[in-house]
Amino acid sequence: MKDARRRITEQEDVIMAGADVTLGQLLHSECIKREAEAATAGIRLDLERGIARESMPLKQILFQDIFCISRNTKEAPCLKDGGTACYAAAGENQMNSVMGNKKVRTPACSQACPVGVDVPAVLEHMRNNKKLEAQRTLMKYHPLTEMVCLMCRKCSAHCVQNQQNQGVGAEKILHWLGADIGRHPEIFFIPPSGDSGKWIAIEEVTVAGLTAAYYLRRMGNHVAIFKKKKAREVLACFSHSLAEAMEGSLAAYMACLSFMGVVFEDSAIGEKEPGRFFDHQLSWKTAEKTTQETTELQSVLEEICLGVKTASRINLDFGLKSYLEPMGPLGSFQFEGVEISPSQWAKPLEDTQQQTVLQEAARCVNCGCFGVCESRTETALFMLETEIHTSKRVIRAQDYFAEISPWKKWEPGEEAINLVIPKSGDFVSGCVCDKEITLAYAFLGKTGTIMDLRMAFGGIAPVPIRLSEAEKALKRSQAAGMSAKDEAAHIMDMAKPRIVLMKKNKGKLLRMEKLIAHALENYLNSLHSV
């Protein structure tokens, strides 16, 4: 096993490079030069940049950290290193990410939310100018944000930026979204298109029951709530000030439930129809009255959680995929981070208030890192779709390098054995760079047509980025008459929706475009030399 880690072995379609093979061995290997030119070029560029040396074992590439010019410039650690500030956000960021950041921890706001809302996911939709998606995501967690968020404030109280007096007012954003939800039952409370055939009875109107009713009805169940009450009666167990603050939004929510088909009955269960059958009967005790508003609010939040969980369990018991199931992280990056993208890259917002909300959402740093992956070798291995074989498992480079500090997830005793690099000898491939930016590419042509291609950037985000949309656009293109410069400009236009600029790194876009043009020119020149 140990001998295998020191060898480079050529097989039919792949090259097995042992984890202990040095970069110098790889650089001078005729097999690697012939069949994986991008890897050779990446190693050479890393050596020239001074971020690698020939004696370094290949496995060390798997443990390379992000590069950030602002990292370790202050006494306190940055977000990446366990602190609460991102120094790149307001500092020297000309060499940092232009694709947003990547989370390095579970956001404190989500951990603090009593109802478990994925707050950054909601804010990310707002940053992407997708208000409707932000609202739908919010509804997956609970439908009473207008009623409780402004009073709760736990999300903003735990924002990591509070220590710099720059905490994001997330509760204001959630409240604003929730208020708009209540004004549009025709969008958010439409009767379900399907019918589960199930009937659920809720014995009395409580906050928990009203919460559960939404999720149960949303999945096509029929819901009847008995002992009908007005909103002020439901909240009578709480102090006057708290009940008054919540009454209007709760009344609007109950009207929305009626709109979506939840039935409110004046009588108790069995009074009017003694033999009526229900597939499920739910009952919650009315909360006990208390004089402490903080305890009261906690009781309301606990009722919301109880309603959410109960509805989810019943839906699953009925074999229905729960509408409640959280969507998890939306993606790797905060697309609208430190600066709002240029207006020409997004549709203008309709009103001043929404613009204010968007600007507040844009201040969220997503508990993430704006550094970049600087390794050219890593970028080349990512582009080549290398496999990483360890003593425990096989990992695709696309998955491994898509995380920050992926080695932290290795199992105890896990060791790198070898890297399996697919052969790309039939491709025109290479690796080009401009300072911290790298472009690894591979083009396969046939009779003047681009049959297949791969392009991956390093140095523009915390992890390597594959230009998938550009690859699709160029595939099957004819090389005849193609202008490398024009195609590069077109590719950058396609990338713009994902671009987010920091204050000093706008020049990276032009450098990226030049590298794309360089790669295309190399491919087009190869056709003339055949």
Protein backbone atom coordinates (compact mmCIF):
# COMPACT_ATOMS: atom_id res chain seq x y z
CA MET A 1 0.00 0.00 0.00
CA LYS A 2 2.78 2.43 0.95
CA ASP A 3 4.63 1.71 -2.31
CA ALA A 4 1.46 2.54 -4.29
CA ARG A 5 1.41 5.96 -2.69
CA ARG A 6 4.80 6.76 -4.20
CA ARG A 7 4.07 5.70 -7.79
CA ILE A 8 2.56 7.19 -10.93
CA THR A 9 0.74 4.41 -12.80
CA GLU A 10 -0.79 4.80 -16.25
CA GLN A 11 -3.92 2.75 -16.91
CA GLU A 12 -6.25 2.61 -19.90
CA ASP A 13 -8.36 5.70 -19.17
CA VAL A 14 -6.82 7.16 -16.03
CA ILE A 15 -3.55 7.94 -14.29
CA MET A 16 -3.10 6.76 -10.70
CA ALA A 17 -0.95 9.27 -8.84
CA GLY A 18 0.07 8.16 -5.37
CA ALA A 19 -0.61 10.56 -2.51
CA ASP A 20 3.10 10.67 -1.59
CA VAL A 21 4.30 11.37 -5.14
CA THR A 22 5.97 14.79 -5.14
CA LEU A 23 4.87 17.68 -7.30
CA GLY A 24 8.33 17.58 -8.87
CA GLN A 25 7.78 13.98 -9.98
CA LEU A 26 4.42 14.91 -11.46
CA LEU A 27 5.85 17.96 -13.19
CA HIS A 28 8.53 15.91 -14.96
CA SER A 29 6.36 12.87 -15.68
CA GLU A 30 5.97 12.28 -19.43
CA CYS A 31 2.70 10.49 -18.77
CA ILE A 32 1.21 13.49 -16.96
CA LYS A 33 2.49 15.91 -19.61
CA ARG A 34 0.91 13.82 -22.36
CA GLU A 35 -2.37 12.89 -20.74
CA ALA A 36 -3.08 15.65 -18.19
CA GLU A 37 -1.42 18.80 -19.48
CA ALA A 38 -3.64 21.05 -17.33
CA ALA A 39 -2.29 19.39 -14.18
CA THR A 40 1.30 19.88 -15.35
CA ALA A 41 0.60 23.53 -16.12
CA GLY A 42 -1.11 24.03 -12.76
CA ILE A 43 1.85 22.61 -10.85
CA ARG A 44 4.29 24.74 -12.80
CA LEU A 45 2.29 27.90 -12.06
CA ASP A 46 2.06 27.06 -8.35
CA LEU A 47 5.82 26.67 -8.22
CA GLU A 48 6.32 30.00 -9.99
CA ARG A 49 3.86 31.69 -7.63
CA GLY A 50 5.73 30.30 -4.63
CA ILE A 51 2.72 28.56 -3.09
CA ALA A 52 4.18 25.10 -3.70
CA ARG A 53 7.57 23.45 -4.01
CA GLU A 54 8.78 20.41 -5.94
CA SER A 55 9.36 18.36 -2.78
CA MET A 56 5.74 18.81 -1.67
CA PRO A 57 3.72 15.55 -1.77
CA LEU A 58 0.62 15.56 -3.95
CA LYS A 59 -1.62 14.89 -0.92
CA GLN A 60 -0.71 18.33 0.43
CA ILE A 61 -2.90 19.83 -2.30
CA LEU A 62 -5.88 18.34 -0.44
CA PHE A 63 -5.08 20.44 2.63
CA GLN A 64 -4.51 23.88 1.14
CA ASP A 65 -6.37 26.72 2.81
CA ILE A 66 -8.02 29.76 1.25
CA PHE A 67 -6.08 32.92 0.38
CA CYS A 68 -7.25 36.33 1.63
CA ILE A 69 -5.12 39.44 1.56
CA SER A 70 -6.99 40.80 4.62
CA ARG A 71 -6.69 37.65 6.72
CA ASN A 72 -4.66 37.92 9.91
CA THR A 73 -4.35 41.69 9.53
CA LYS A 74 -6.06 42.39 12.84
CA GLU A 75 -5.58 41.24 16.40
CA ALA A 76 -9.01 39.58 16.51
CA PRO A 77 -9.58 36.55 14.23
CA CYS A 78 -11.77 36.87 11.14
CA LEU A 79 -14.98 34.93 10.52
CA LYS A 80 -13.06 32.14 8.81
CA ASP A 81 -10.89 31.68 11.90
CA GLY A 82 -13.72 31.76 14.44
CA GLY A 83 -14.14 35.50 14.93
CA THR A 84 -17.04 37.82 14.16
CA ALA A 85 -15.67 40.14 11.47
CA CYS A 86 -14.81 39.85 7.81
CA TYR A 87 -11.93 42.26 7.31
CA ALA A 88 -12.05 41.83 3.54
CA ALA A 89 -15.56 43.30 3.44
CA ALA A 90 -14.29 46.78 4.25
CA GLY A 91 -10.55 46.38 3.64
CA GLU A 92 -8.14 45.47 0.88
CA ASN A 93 -10.37 43.13 -1.11
CA GLN A 94 -9.10 43.61 -4.67
CA MET A 95 -7.90 39.99 -4.72
CA ASN A 96 -10.93 38.50 -2.97
CA SER A 97 -14.03 36.72 -4.22
CA VAL A 98 -16.25 38.13 -6.95
CA MET A 99 -18.75 35.28 -6.48
CA GLY A 100 -19.85 36.00 -2.92
CA ASN A 101 -18.81 34.03 0.12
CA LYS A 102 -19.09 30.49 1.42
CA LYS A 103 -20.39 29.60 4.85
CA VAL A 104 -17.81 28.58 7.39
CA ARG A 105 -20.26 27.92 10.23
CA THR A 106 -23.95 27.45 10.95
CA PRO A 107 -25.29 31.02 11.07
CA ALA A 108 -25.90 32.17 14.65
CA CYS A 109 -29.20 33.79 13.65
CA SER A 110 -30.66 30.47 12.50
CA GLN A 111 -29.44 28.72 15.63
CA ALA A 112 -31.07 31.39 17.78
CA CYS A 113 -34.43 31.41 15.98
CA PRO A 114 -36.97 29.61 18.22
CA VAL A 115 -38.81 28.38 15.14
CA GLY A 116 -35.63 27.38 13.28
CA VAL A 117 -36.01 29.70 10.28
CA ASP A 118 -33.08 29.52 7.86
CA VAL A 119 -32.69 33.29 8.00
CA PRO A 120 -29.73 33.55 5.59
CA ALA A 121 -31.68 31.53 3.00
CA VAL A 122 -34.51 34.05 3.15
CA LEU A 123 -32.11 36.99 2.94
CA GLU A 124 -30.29 35.37 0.03
CA HIS A 125 -33.50 35.26 -1.99
CA MET A 126 -34.02 38.94 -1.24
CA ARG A 127 -30.47 39.74 -2.31
CA ASN A 128 -31.22 37.96 -5.58
CA ASN A 129 -34.28 40.14 -6.05
CA LYS A 130 -36.57 37.12 -5.54
CA LYS A 131 -39.07 38.37 -3.02
CA LEU A 132 -41.63 35.67 -3.79
CA GLU A 133 -39.08 32.91 -3.22
CA ALA A 134 -38.01 34.58 0.03
CA GLN A 135 -41.63 34.53 1.21
CA ARG A 136 -42.22 30.93 0.17
CA THR A 137 -39.06 29.87 1.98
CA LEU A 138 -40.22 31.73 5.08
CA MET A 139 -43.60 29.97 4.96
CA LYS A 140 -41.86 26.60 5.02
CA TYR A 141 -40.81 27.31 8.59
CA HIS A 142 -43.83 29.12 10.01
CA PRO A 143 -46.63 31.35 8.72
CA LEU A 144 -46.91 33.80 11.65
CA THR A 145 -43.80 35.93 11.18
CA GLU A 146 -45.78 39.17 11.11
CA MET A 147 -47.17 38.31 14.54
CA VAL A 148 -43.98 37.48 16.43
CA CYS A 149 -40.74 38.44 14.65
CA LEU A 150 -40.56 42.10 15.65
CA MET A 151 -41.06 41.18 19.30
CA CYS A 152 -38.76 38.15 19.27
CA ARG A 153 -35.62 39.67 17.69
CA LYS A 154 -33.45 36.71 18.65
CA CYS A 155 -32.06 36.42 15.12
CA SER A 156 -30.68 39.96 15.05
CA ALA A 157 -29.62 39.78 18.72
CA HIS A 158 -27.28 36.90 17.81
CA CYS A 159 -25.94 38.36 14.53
CA VAL A 160 -22.15 37.97 14.46
CA GLN A 161 -21.80 41.56 13.29
CA ASN A 162 -23.19 42.98 16.52
CA GLN A 163 -19.70 43.15 17.98
CA GLN A 164 -18.86 45.67 15.24
CA ASN A 165 -22.20 47.47 15.84
CA GLN A 166 -23.27 46.40 12.36
CA GLY A 167 -25.82 43.71 13.18
CA VAL A 168 -28.37 42.98 10.47
CA GLY A 169 -31.98 43.77 11.41
CA ALA A 170 -33.25 40.42 10.14
CA GLU A 171 -36.44 40.56 12.22
CA LYS A 172 -37.52 43.70 10.36
CA ILE A 173 -37.04 41.95 7.03
CA LEU A 174 -38.96 38.86 8.17
CA HIS A 175 -41.76 41.05 9.54
CA TRP A 176 -41.98 43.02 6.29
CA LEU A 177 -42.16 39.82 4.25
CA GLY A 178 -44.77 38.34 6.62
CA ALA A 179 -46.98 41.43 6.48
CA ASP A 180 -46.98 41.26 2.70
CA ILE A 181 -47.82 37.54 2.83
CA GLY A 182 -50.94 38.32 4.87
CA ARG A 183 -52.11 40.85 2.29
CA HIS A 184 -51.99 38.29 -0.53
CA PRO A 185 -53.94 35.13 0.36
CA GLU A 186 -54.48 34.58 -3.38
CA ILE A 187 -50.75 33.81 -3.62
CA PHE A 188 -49.83 32.19 -0.31
CA PHE A 189 -53.09 30.68 0.94
CA ILE A 190 -54.60 29.21 -2.19
CA PRO A 191 -56.69 26.03 -1.70
CA PRO A 192 -54.58 22.95 -2.47
CA SER A 193 -54.91 21.42 -5.91
CA GLY A 194 -54.87 17.87 -4.54
CA ASP A 195 -57.15 16.11 -2.07
CA SER A 196 -55.69 13.64 0.41
CA GLY A 197 -59.18 12.47 1.40
CA LYS A 198 -58.23 12.92 5.07
CA TRP A 199 -60.16 14.93 7.65
CA ILE A 200 -58.51 16.47 10.69
CA ALA A 201 -60.38 18.02 13.60
CA ILE A 202 -58.75 20.59 15.86
CA GLU A 203 -60.81 20.72 19.04
CA GLU A 204 -60.20 24.34 19.97
CA VAL A 205 -58.69 27.49 18.50
CA THR A 206 -55.13 27.95 19.80
CA VAL A 207 -51.95 29.34 18.30
CA ALA A 208 -50.59 25.79 17.93
CA GLY A 209 -53.75 24.60 16.22
CA LEU A 210 -53.86 27.56 13.87
CA THR A 211 -50.23 26.95 12.92
CA ALA A 212 -50.82 23.26 12.28
CA ALA A 213 -53.93 24.02 10.22
CA TYR A 214 -51.90 25.78 7.54
CA TYR A 215 -49.49 22.90 6.93
CA LEU A 216 -52.20 20.26 7.12
CA ARG A 217 -54.44 22.06 4.65
CA ARG A 218 -51.49 22.89 2.39
CA MET A 219 -51.00 19.16 1.80
CA GLY A 220 -54.58 18.62 0.68
CA ASN A 221 -56.12 17.57 3.99
CA HIS A 222 -59.51 18.86 5.11
CA VAL A 223 -59.23 20.77 8.37
CA ALA A 224 -62.05 21.77 10.73
CA ILE A 225 -61.34 23.91 13.81
CA PHE A 226 -64.03 23.80 16.51
CA LYS A 227 -65.08 26.25 19.25
CA LYS A 228 -64.59 29.20 16.97
CA LYS A 229 -63.09 32.30 18.57
CA LYS A 230 -62.00 35.74 17.51
CA ALA A 231 -58.33 36.58 17.56
CA ARG A 232 -58.61 38.61 20.77
CA GLU A 233 -60.21 35.64 22.53
CA VAL A 234 -57.42 33.31 21.39
CA LEU A 235 -54.91 35.75 22.87
CA ALA A 236 -56.88 36.45 26.05
CA CYS A 237 -54.49 34.30 28.10
CA PHE A 238 -51.70 36.78 27.43
CA SER A 239 -51.12 40.27 28.80
CA HIS A 240 -53.10 43.11 27.26
CA SER A 241 -50.05 44.72 25.63
CA LEU A 242 -48.84 41.49 24.03
CA ALA A 243 -52.31 40.46 22.88
CA GLU A 244 -52.90 43.90 21.40
CA ALA A 245 -49.62 43.71 19.48
CA MET A 246 -50.51 40.31 18.00
CA GLU A 247 -54.27 40.59 17.47
CA GLY A 248 -54.36 42.27 14.07
CA SER A 249 -51.94 39.89 12.40
CA LEU A 250 -53.55 36.81 13.97
CA ALA A 251 -57.00 37.93 12.76
CA ALA A 252 -55.62 38.42 9.24
CA TYR A 253 -53.99 34.98 9.38
CA MET A 254 -57.26 33.32 10.44
CA ALA A 255 -59.02 34.98 7.51
CA CYS A 256 -56.31 33.60 5.21
CA LEU A 257 -56.89 30.09 6.60
CA SER A 258 -60.59 30.44 5.78
CA PHE A 259 -59.62 31.55 2.27
CA MET A 260 -57.62 28.38 1.76
CA GLY A 261 -60.49 26.18 2.94
CA VAL A 262 -59.94 25.66 6.67
CA VAL A 263 -63.40 25.41 8.26
CA PHE A 264 -64.13 27.17 11.56
CA GLU A 265 -67.05 25.62 13.48
CA ASP A 266 -68.96 27.41 16.26
CA SER A 267 -69.80 24.18 18.05
CA ALA A 268 -67.65 21.63 19.86
CA ILE A 269 -66.78 18.33 18.18
CA GLY A 270 -69.79 16.04 18.09
CA GLU A 271 -72.38 18.62 19.15
CA LYS A 272 -74.06 19.03 15.76
CA GLU A 273 -72.93 15.81 14.04
CA PRO A 274 -72.34 13.14 16.70
CA GLY A 275 -71.31 10.43 14.23
CA ARG A 276 -68.96 12.54 12.14
CA PHE A 277 -65.68 10.75 11.39
CA PHE A 278 -62.22 12.32 11.51
CA ASP A 279 -58.95 10.67 10.57
CA HIS A 280 -57.21 12.66 13.28
CA GLN A 281 -58.29 14.78 16.25
CA LEU A 282 -55.92 17.32 17.73
CA SER A 283 -56.20 19.14 21.01
CA TRP A 284 -53.93 21.68 22.68
CA LYS A 285 -54.50 23.30 26.03
CA THR A 286 -54.84 27.06 26.05
CA ALA A 287 -51.67 28.62 27.43
CA GLU A 288 -51.81 29.60 31.09
CA LYS A 289 -51.89 33.31 31.82
CA THR A 290 -48.65 34.84 33.07
CA THR A 291 -47.52 38.34 33.92
CA GLN A 292 -44.10 38.16 32.28
CA GLU A 293 -44.16 39.20 28.64
CA THR A 294 -40.89 37.44 27.83
CA THR A 295 -42.33 34.19 29.16
CA GLU A 296 -45.56 34.83 27.26
CA LEU A 297 -43.77 35.38 23.99
CA GLN A 298 -41.75 32.23 24.56
CA SER A 299 -45.04 30.38 25.08
CA VAL A 300 -46.36 31.70 21.75
CA LEU A 301 -43.19 30.61 19.96
CA GLU A 302 -43.35 27.17 21.57
CA GLU A 303 -46.96 26.80 20.38
CA ILE A 304 -45.91 27.69 16.83
CA CYS A 305 -43.14 25.08 16.96
CA LEU A 306 -45.57 22.49 18.34
CA GLY A 307 -48.06 23.16 15.56
CA VAL A 308 -45.38 22.92 12.89
CA LYS A 309 -43.98 19.64 14.19
CA THR A 310 -47.39 18.06 14.72
CA ALA A 311 -48.56 18.90 11.21
CA SER A 312 -45.33 17.55 9.75
CA ARG A 313 -45.70 14.26 11.63
CA ILE A 314 -49.33 13.80 10.59
CA ASN A 315 -48.59 14.57 6.96
CA LEU A 316 -45.81 12.01 6.96
CA ASP A 317 -48.09 9.46 8.67
CA PHE A 318 -50.54 10.01 5.81
CA GLY A 319 -47.73 9.38 3.31
CA LEU A 320 -47.61 13.01 2.23
CA LYS A 321 -44.30 14.69 1.56
CA SER A 322 -44.26 17.44 4.10
CA TYR A 323 -44.46 20.96 2.73
CA LEU A 324 -42.70 21.92 5.92
CA GLU A 325 -39.44 20.18 5.06
CA PRO A 326 -36.75 22.89 5.08
CA MET A 327 -34.91 23.44 1.83
CA GLY A 328 -31.52 23.64 3.50
CA PRO A 329 -28.72 25.84 2.14
CA LEU A 330 -29.70 27.45 -1.12
CA GLY A 331 -26.21 27.43 -2.46
CA SER A 332 -22.61 28.01 -1.69
CA PHE A 333 -22.53 31.73 -2.10
CA GLN A 334 -24.06 34.94 -0.98
CA PHE A 335 -24.83 36.40 -4.36
CA GLU A 336 -25.52 39.93 -3.20
CA GLY A 337 -22.99 40.48 -0.50
CA VAL A 338 -20.99 43.54 0.33
CA GLU A 339 -22.24 45.73 -2.49
CA ILE A 340 -25.52 45.44 -4.35
CA SER A 341 -24.92 44.35 -7.93
CA PRO A 342 -25.09 47.05 -10.62
CA SER A 343 -28.67 47.98 -11.41
CA GLN A 344 -28.32 46.94 -15.04
CA TRP A 345 -27.71 43.36 -13.87
CA ALA A 346 -31.07 43.08 -12.09
CA LYS A 347 -34.59 44.36 -12.55
CA PRO A 348 -35.20 47.65 -10.70
CA LEU A 349 -37.17 47.37 -7.48
CA GLU A 350 -40.69 48.73 -7.45
CA ASP A 351 -40.82 50.72 -4.22
CA THR A 352 -38.58 52.57 -1.80
CA GLN A 353 -39.45 50.34 1.13
CA GLN A 354 -38.43 47.21 -0.77
CA GLN A 355 -35.17 48.91 -1.74
CA THR A 356 -34.50 49.57 1.96
CA VAL A 357 -35.23 45.93 2.81
CA LEU A 358 -32.90 44.72 0.07
CA GLN A 359 -30.10 46.99 1.25
CA GLU A 360 -30.47 45.63 4.79
CA ALA A 361 -30.45 42.03 3.49
CA ALA A 362 -27.33 42.83 1.49
CA ARG A 363 -25.41 43.59 4.68
CA CYS A 364 -25.62 39.96 5.78
CA VAL A 365 -22.21 38.29 5.36
CA ASN A 366 -23.81 34.85 5.61
CA CYS A 367 -21.29 33.84 8.31
CA GLY A 368 -18.97 33.13 5.42
CA CYS A 369 -15.54 33.75 3.94
CA PHE A 370 -14.76 35.99 0.96
CA GLY A 371 -11.29 34.49 0.43
CA VAL A 372 -10.31 32.56 -2.70
CA CYS A 373 -8.78 29.21 -3.56
CA GLU A 374 -5.42 30.18 -5.02
CA SER A 375 -4.02 26.74 -5.91
CA ARG A 376 -3.67 26.26 -9.67
CA THR A 377 -3.11 22.54 -9.15
CA GLU A 378 -6.36 22.26 -7.18
CA THR A 379 -8.24 24.11 -9.92
CA ALA A 380 -6.80 21.83 -12.61
CA LEU A 381 -7.65 18.66 -10.67
CA PHE A 382 -11.17 20.03 -10.13
CA MET A 383 -11.58 20.73 -13.86
CA LEU A 384 -10.25 17.27 -14.78
CA GLU A 385 -12.86 15.63 -12.52
CA THR A 386 -10.25 13.79 -10.49
CA GLU A 387 -11.19 11.15 -7.92
CA ILE A 388 -9.61 11.19 -4.47
CA HIS A 389 -9.10 7.74 -2.96
CA THR A 390 -8.57 7.59 0.78
CA SER A 391 -8.26 4.69 3.18
CA LYS A 392 -12.00 5.06 3.90
CA ARG A 393 -13.77 6.19 0.71
CA VAL A 394 -13.70 7.66 -2.79
CA ILE A 395 -14.46 11.37 -3.16
CA ARG A 396 -15.01 13.31 -6.36
CA ALA A 397 -12.84 16.41 -6.66
CA GLN A 398 -16.00 18.35 -7.58
CA ASP A 399 -17.42 17.51 -4.16
CA TYR A 400 -14.22 17.72 -2.13
CA PHE A 401 -12.97 21.06 -3.43
CA ALA A 402 -16.48 22.55 -3.26
CA GLU A 403 -16.04 22.97 0.50
CA ILE A 404 -13.85 25.18 2.62
CA SER A 405 -11.44 23.11 4.77
CA PRO A 406 -12.89 19.76 3.60
CA TRP A 407 -10.16 17.84 5.46
CA LYS A 408 -11.89 18.76 8.73
CA LYS A 409 -14.57 16.22 7.81
CA TRP A 410 -12.14 13.33 7.44
CA GLU A 411 -12.75 10.37 9.70
CA PRO A 412 -10.24 9.49 12.43
CA GLY A 413 -7.33 7.61 10.87
CA GLU A 414 -8.36 8.46 7.30
CA GLU A 415 -5.42 8.89 4.94
CA ALA A 416 -5.02 9.84 1.29
CA ILE A 417 -3.95 6.88 -0.89
CA ASN A 418 -3.95 8.21 -4.44
CA LEU A 419 -5.58 10.55 -6.90
CA VAL A 420 -7.16 9.10 -10.03
CA ILE A 421 -6.83 11.59 -12.88
CA PRO A 422 -8.89 10.94 -16.04
CA LYS A 423 -6.82 11.11 -19.22
CA SER A 424 -7.39 14.18 -21.36
CA GLY A 425 -4.75 13.65 -24.02
CA ASP A 426 -7.26 14.10 -26.85
CA PHE A 427 -8.26 17.49 -25.47
CA VAL A 428 -6.50 20.79 -26.03
CA SER A 429 -6.03 21.66 -22.39
CA GLY A 430 -4.05 23.89 -20.13
CA CYS A 431 -3.98 26.17 -17.14
CA VAL A 432 -3.44 29.92 -17.39
CA CYS A 433 -3.33 32.54 -14.66
CA ASP A 434 -3.18 36.22 -13.86
CA LYS A 435 -1.92 36.75 -10.30
CA GLU A 436 -4.43 34.96 -8.02
CA ILE A 437 -6.88 34.08 -10.84
CA THR A 438 -6.57 30.72 -12.60
CA LEU A 439 -8.45 29.24 -15.53
CA ALA A 440 -8.08 25.51 -16.18
CA TYR A 441 -9.60 24.39 -19.47
CA ALA A 442 -9.97 21.46 -21.86
CA PHE A 443 -11.48 21.54 -25.38
CA LEU A 444 -12.24 18.53 -27.54
CA GLY A 445 -12.82 19.30 -31.20
CA LYS A 446 -13.84 17.27 -34.23
CA THR A 447 -13.91 18.58 -37.79
CA GLY A 448 -14.01 22.17 -36.57
CA THR A 449 -16.78 21.59 -33.99
CA ILE A 450 -16.34 21.86 -30.22
CA MET A 451 -17.63 18.45 -29.12
CA ASP A 452 -16.84 18.75 -25.42
CA LEU A 453 -15.22 21.27 -23.11
CA ARG A 454 -14.56 22.13 -19.50
CA MET A 455 -13.61 25.44 -17.95
CA ALA A 456 -13.01 26.06 -14.25
CA PHE A 457 -11.85 29.20 -12.47
CA GLY A 458 -9.79 29.40 -9.32
CA GLY A 459 -9.07 32.59 -7.43
CA ILE A 460 -12.51 34.15 -7.96
CA ALA A 461 -14.38 32.48 -5.08
CA PRO A 462 -13.58 30.48 -1.92
CA VAL A 463 -13.77 27.29 -4.01
CA PRO A 464 -13.15 26.51 -7.72
CA ILE A 465 -16.01 27.50 -10.02
CA ARG A 466 -17.05 25.54 -13.12
CA LEU A 467 -18.42 27.67 -15.98
CA SER A 468 -21.24 25.23 -16.71
CA GLU A 469 -23.50 27.67 -18.55
CA ALA A 470 -20.66 28.76 -20.80
CA GLU A 471 -19.77 25.14 -21.50
CA LYS A 472 -23.34 24.45 -22.63
CA ALA A 473 -23.37 27.55 -24.83
CA LEU A 474 -20.07 26.68 -26.55
CA LYS A 475 -20.73 22.98 -27.03
CA ARG A 476 -21.35 22.14 -30.70
CA SER A 477 -20.10 25.58 -31.74
CA GLN A 478 -18.19 25.90 -34.98
CA ALA A 479 -14.60 27.08 -34.64
CA ALA A 480 -14.63 28.68 -38.11
CA GLY A 481 -15.13 32.42 -37.77
CA MET A 482 -15.12 32.26 -33.97
CA SER A 483 -13.65 35.30 -32.25
CA ALA A 484 -12.00 34.39 -28.95
CA LYS A 485 -12.41 37.96 -27.71
CA ASP A 486 -16.13 38.15 -28.56
CA GLU A 487 -16.85 34.71 -27.07
CA ALA A 488 -15.05 35.67 -23.86
CA ALA A 489 -17.18 38.80 -23.54
CA HIS A 490 -20.32 36.71 -24.12
CA ILE A 491 -19.27 34.20 -21.46
CA MET A 492 -18.76 37.00 -18.93
CA ASP A 493 -22.24 38.32 -19.76
CA MET A 494 -23.64 34.89 -18.88
CA ALA A 495 -21.71 34.92 -15.60
CA LYS A 496 -22.99 38.33 -14.49
CA PRO A 497 -26.07 37.09 -12.60
CA ARG A 498 -23.73 35.22 -10.26
CA ILE A 499 -21.21 38.03 -9.87
CA VAL A 500 -21.07 40.11 -6.70
CA LEU A 501 -18.45 42.81 -6.52
CA MET A 502 -16.66 44.02 -3.46
CA LYS A 503 -15.55 47.62 -3.31
CA LYS A 504 -12.07 47.19 -4.78
CA ASN A 505 -12.13 44.03 -6.90
CA LYS A 506 -14.04 45.14 -9.99
CA GLY A 507 -10.87 44.79 -12.07
CA LYS A 508 -11.01 41.01 -11.66
CA LEU A 509 -13.82 40.78 -14.22
CA LEU A 510 -11.64 42.12 -17.02
CA ARG A 511 -8.81 39.77 -16.02
CA MET A 512 -11.23 36.82 -16.06
CA GLU A 513 -12.40 37.78 -19.54
CA LYS A 514 -8.82 37.97 -20.82
CA LEU A 515 -8.04 34.50 -19.46
CA ILE A 516 -11.11 33.04 -21.19
CA ALA A 517 -10.03 34.67 -24.45
CA HIS A 518 -6.51 33.29 -23.95
CA ALA A 519 -7.83 29.74 -23.49
CA LEU A 520 -10.04 30.01 -26.60
CA GLU A 521 -7.15 31.39 -28.63
CA ASN A 522 -5.01 28.44 -27.59
CA TYR A 523 -7.71 26.08 -28.81
CA LEU A 524 -8.27 27.92 -32.11
CA ASN A 525 -4.50 28.12 -32.74
CA SER A 526 -4.21 24.37 -32.19
CA LEU A 527 -6.64 23.78 -35.06
CA HIS A 528 -4.40 25.73 -37.45
CA SER A 529 -1.30 23.81 -36.37
CA VAL A 530 -2.80 20.40 -37.20
